[in-house]
C-alpha atoms as a PDB file:
ATOM      1  CA  MET A   1      46.194  29.888   2.792  1.00  0.00           C
ATOM      2  CA  GLU A   2      44.911  26.302   2.665  1.00  0.00           C
ATOM      3  CA  ARG A   3      41.379  25.558   3.670  1.00  0.00           C
ATOM      4  CA  GLU A   4      40.756  22.794   6.210  1.00  0.00           C
ATOM      5  CA  GLU A   5      38.260  20.141   5.240  1.00  0.00           C
ATOM      6  CA  ALA A   6      35.269  19.837   7.540  1.00  0.00           C
ATOM      7  CA  GLU A   7      34.754  16.587   9.401  1.00  0.00           C
ATOM      8  CA  PRO A   8      31.819  14.641   7.979  1.00  0.00           C
ATOM      9  CA  MET A   9      28.773  14.512  10.228  1.00  0.00           C
ATOM     10  CA  PRO A  10      27.953  11.051  11.522  1.00  0.00           C
ATOM     11  CA  SER A  11      24.988   9.561   9.717  1.00  0.00           C
ATOM     12  CA  ARG A  12      22.105   7.644  11.194  1.00  0.00           C
ATOM     13  CA  ALA A  13      18.935   6.116   9.863  1.00  0.00           C
ATOM     14  CA  LEU A  14      15.783   8.229   9.964  1.00  0.00           C
ATOM     15  CA  ASP A  15      13.180   6.918  12.378  1.00  0.00           C
ATOM     16  CA  ALA A  16       9.405   7.405  12.342  1.00  0.00           C
ATOM     17  CA  LEU A  17       9.609  10.686  14.292  1.00  0.00           C
ATOM     18  CA  ASP A  18      12.232  12.082  11.905  1.00  0.00           C
ATOM     19  CA  LEU A  19      10.012  11.254   8.941  1.00  0.00           C
ATOM     20  CA  ARG A  20       6.932  12.820  10.549  1.00  0.00           C
ATOM     21  CA  LEU A  21       8.950  15.948  11.393  1.00  0.00           C
ATOM     22  CA  LEU A  22      10.143  16.193   7.788  1.00  0.00           C
ATOM     23  CA  GLN A  23       6.573  15.788   6.554  1.00  0.00           C
ATOM     24  CA  CYS A  24       5.420  18.663   8.777  1.00  0.00           C
ATOM     25  CA  LEU A  25       8.222  20.878   7.489  1.00  0.00           C
ATOM     26  CA  GLN A  26       7.386  20.010   3.876  1.00  0.00           C
ATOM     27  CA  ILE A  27       3.794  21.083   4.480  1.00  0.00           C
ATOM     28  CA  ASP A  28       4.771  24.337   6.191  1.00  0.00           C
ATOM     29  CA  GLY A  29       8.476  25.013   6.613  1.00  0.00           C
ATOM     30  CA  ARG A  30       7.703  28.178   8.583  1.00  0.00           C
ATOM     31  CA  ALA A  31       5.355  26.604  11.126  1.00  0.00           C
ATOM     32  CA  PRO A  32       6.201  27.465  14.744  1.00  0.00           C
ATOM     33  CA  LEU A  33       8.045  24.697  16.587  1.00  0.00           C
ATOM     34  CA  THR A  34       5.335  24.745  19.247  1.00  0.00           C
ATOM     35  CA  ARG A  35       2.688  23.911  16.626  1.00  0.00           C
ATOM     36  CA  ILE A  36       4.779  21.122  15.092  1.00  0.00           C
ATOM     37  CA  ALA A  37       5.386  19.684  18.576  1.00  0.00           C
ATOM     38  CA  GLU A  38       1.653  19.776  19.271  1.00  0.00           C
ATOM     39  CA  VAL A  39       0.843  17.982  15.999  1.00  0.00           C
ATOM     40  CA  LEU A  40       3.518  15.327  16.589  1.00  0.00           C
ATOM     41  CA  GLY A  41       2.669  14.881  20.278  1.00  0.00           C
ATOM     42  CA  VAL A  42       6.218  15.633  21.454  1.00  0.00           C
ATOM     43  CA  SER A  43       7.901  18.439  23.372  1.00  0.00           C
ATOM     44  CA  ASP A  44       9.045  21.720  21.832  1.00  0.00           C
ATOM     45  CA  GLN A  45      12.611  20.748  22.756  1.00  0.00           C
ATOM     46  CA  THR A  46      12.349  17.491  20.818  1.00  0.00           C
ATOM     47  CA  VAL A  47      11.303  19.390  17.692  1.00  0.00           C
ATOM     48  CA  ALA A  48      13.981  22.063  18.189  1.00  0.00           C
ATOM     49  CA  CYS A  49      16.613  19.328  18.423  1.00  0.00           C
ATOM     50  CA  GLY A  50      15.424  17.703  15.233  1.00  0.00           C
ATOM     51  CA  GLY A  51      13.914  14.812  17.143  1.00  0.00           C
ATOM     52  CA  CYS A  52      17.086  13.833  18.972  1.00  0.00           C
ATOM     53  CA  ALA A  53      15.965  14.690  22.525  1.00  0.00           C
ATOM     54  CA  PRO A  54      14.432  11.277  23.244  1.00  0.00           C
ATOM     55  CA  ARG A  55      17.568   9.556  21.955  1.00  0.00           C
ATOM     56  CA  HIS A  56      20.136  11.703  23.751  1.00  0.00           C
ATOM     57  CA  GLY A  57      18.297  13.244  26.727  1.00  0.00           C
ATOM     58  CA  CYS A  58      19.221  16.373  24.871  1.00  0.00           C
ATOM     59  CA  GLY A  59      20.347  19.786  25.724  1.00  0.00           C
ATOM     60  CA  CYS A  60      21.213  19.592  22.288  1.00  0.00           C
ATOM     61  CA  SER A  61      24.654  18.575  21.296  1.00  0.00           C
ATOM     62  CA  ALA A  62      23.674  15.575  19.208  1.00  0.00           C
END
């Protein structure tokens, strides 16, 4: 049985919010999303979507 190759995910540049989110996760990768959202000044949904909510009006299917 041959294995199908996965489609590559589209890439995009990291913005300031992405970098701040990564910094928070590097400090404490197990921090609750609500706490990270509070620190970053964004919604829980934005953090849960990896920062894509403002860009896509997310529900999240980035």
